[in-house]
Amino acid sequence: MLIRYKKTFEKIAMGLLSFMPTEKDLKKLQQTIKEYETEEDWQLFLWKEEDIIGLIGVLYQNDANALVIQHISVNPSHRFQGIGKKMVKALREMYTDKEIISNENTAAFIEKCDVC
């Protein structure tokens, strides 16, 4: 189930974000989390089953009526179980009126998703 990011999930979110190739540097990681916390157009969602095992971050593009998937990450011990696809599908169900698109960092994964 997708849940909205809250400050209390900061350490978990930073851990999951650190698996993204562009988020290896601590300062960059902290800056990204700050953007999700402060920028109105940036939204971060966490995927919770028994524990939080994934996250997906989006940027609203109101002019294009689209959501750009900025970040998508799954805990390595839960990979290859369809969690990423479930997150994209849940996002699509939440925002039926918006087009879901990828950026250069998420394009390869999003192209593999049947739900996009």
Protein backbone atom coordinates (compact mmCIF):
# COMPACT_ATOMS: atom_id res chain seq x y z
CA MET A 1 0.00 0.00 0.00
CA LEU A 2 1.28 3.48 -0.86
CA ILE A 3 1.48 5.92 2.04
CA ARG A 4 2.55 9.55 1.97
CA TYR A 5 5.99 10.41 3.30
CA LYS A 6 6.15 12.02 6.73
CA LYS A 7 9.20 13.40 8.53
CA THR A 8 9.07 10.42 10.94
CA PHE A 9 9.97 8.18 7.98
CA GLU A 10 13.03 10.26 7.04
CA LYS A 11 15.71 7.66 7.88
CA ILE A 12 13.84 4.87 6.09
CA ALA A 13 13.25 7.09 3.06
CA MET A 14 16.89 8.17 2.94
CA GLY A 15 18.00 4.54 3.14
CA LEU A 16 15.75 3.56 0.25
CA LEU A 17 16.68 6.64 -1.80
CA SER A 18 20.37 5.85 -1.35
CA PHE A 19 19.89 2.83 -3.65
CA MET A 20 19.26 5.23 -6.55
CA PRO A 21 22.49 5.76 -8.55
CA THR A 22 22.10 9.56 -8.40
CA GLU A 23 21.62 9.62 -4.62
CA LYS A 24 24.86 8.04 -3.34
CA ASP A 25 26.31 11.25 -1.90
CA LEU A 26 24.96 12.14 1.58
CA LYS A 27 24.64 15.87 0.82
CA LYS A 28 22.73 15.13 -2.40
CA LEU A 29 20.51 12.68 -0.52
CA GLN A 30 19.74 15.25 2.19
CA GLN A 31 18.97 17.86 -0.47
CA THR A 32 16.57 15.48 -2.24
CA ILE A 33 14.70 14.68 0.99
CA LYS A 34 14.48 18.42 1.75
CA GLU A 35 12.96 19.02 -1.70
CA TYR A 36 10.31 16.37 -1.06
CA GLU A 37 9.56 17.98 2.31
CA THR A 38 9.41 21.59 1.12
CA GLU A 39 8.50 21.70 -2.57
CA GLU A 40 4.77 21.66 -3.20
CA ASP A 41 5.12 19.88 -6.57
CA TRP A 42 7.32 17.07 -5.17
CA GLN A 43 5.59 14.11 -3.48
CA LEU A 44 7.20 11.08 -1.93
CA PHE A 45 5.29 7.88 -1.25
CA LEU A 46 6.43 4.82 0.67
CA TRP A 47 5.35 1.24 -0.04
CA LYS A 48 4.30 -0.57 3.09
CA GLU A 49 3.53 -4.23 3.48
CA GLU A 50 4.53 -5.45 6.95
CA ASP A 51 7.42 -2.99 6.80
CA ILE A 52 8.26 -0.11 4.51
CA ILE A 53 10.14 -1.75 1.64
CA GLY A 54 9.96 0.72 -1.24
CA LEU A 55 9.48 4.30 -2.26
CA ILE A 56 8.40 6.27 -5.28
CA GLY A 57 8.89 10.00 -5.70
CA VAL A 58 7.04 12.14 -8.21
CA LEU A 59 7.08 15.66 -9.55
CA TYR A 60 3.73 17.19 -10.53
CA GLN A 61 3.76 18.91 -13.90
CA ASN A 62 0.47 20.75 -13.86
CA ASP A 63 1.06 22.38 -17.24
CA ALA A 64 1.34 18.91 -18.83
CA ASN A 65 -1.17 17.25 -16.48
CA ALA A 66 1.50 14.66 -15.72
CA LEU A 67 3.41 13.02 -12.89
CA VAL A 68 7.11 12.48 -13.52
CA ILE A 69 8.52 9.55 -11.58
CA GLN A 70 11.73 11.03 -10.18
CA HIS A 71 12.77 8.17 -7.91
CA ILE A 72 11.76 4.55 -7.49
CA SER A 73 13.53 2.18 -5.15
CA VAL A 74 12.90 -1.16 -3.47
CA ASN A 75 14.81 -2.69 -0.58
CA PRO A 76 17.29 -5.14 -2.16
CA SER A 77 15.96 -8.08 -0.14
CA HIS A 78 12.50 -7.52 -1.68
CA ARG A 79 13.53 -6.98 -5.31
CA PHE A 80 12.28 -9.08 -8.24
CA GLN A 81 8.91 -9.61 -6.53
CA GLY A 82 6.96 -7.00 -8.49
CA ILE A 83 7.03 -4.32 -5.76
CA GLY A 84 8.16 -1.58 -8.16
CA LYS A 85 5.39 -2.46 -10.60
CA LYS A 86 2.85 -2.47 -7.75
CA MET A 87 3.98 1.03 -6.72
CA VAL A 88 3.59 2.38 -10.26
CA LYS A 89 0.18 0.70 -10.59
CA ALA A 90 -0.99 2.13 -7.24
CA LEU A 91 0.21 5.58 -8.29
CA ARG A 92 -1.71 5.27 -11.56
CA GLU A 93 -4.86 4.29 -9.61
CA MET A 94 -4.44 7.30 -7.28
CA TYR A 95 -4.00 9.73 -10.18
CA THR A 96 -6.26 8.44 -12.94
CA ASP A 97 -6.48 11.92 -14.48
CA LYS A 98 -2.70 12.33 -14.91
CA GLU A 99 -0.24 10.85 -17.34
CA ILE A 100 2.58 8.96 -15.58
CA ILE A 101 5.97 9.53 -17.20
CA SER A 102 9.58 8.82 -16.28
CA ASN A 103 12.75 10.85 -16.18
CA GLU A 104 16.17 9.74 -17.41
CA ASN A 105 16.89 7.96 -14.10
CA THR A 106 13.66 5.94 -13.99
CA ALA A 107 12.99 5.41 -17.70
CA ALA A 108 14.60 1.96 -17.99
CA PHE A 109 12.50 0.56 -15.14
CA ILE A 110 9.25 2.28 -16.12
CA GLU A 111 9.56 0.93 -19.69
CA LYS A 112 9.51 -2.61 -18.20
CA CYS A 113 6.26 -1.94 -16.32
CA ASP A 114 3.18 -3.34 -18.02
CA VAL A 115 1.00 -0.81 -16.19
CA CYS A 116 2.57 2.29 -17.77
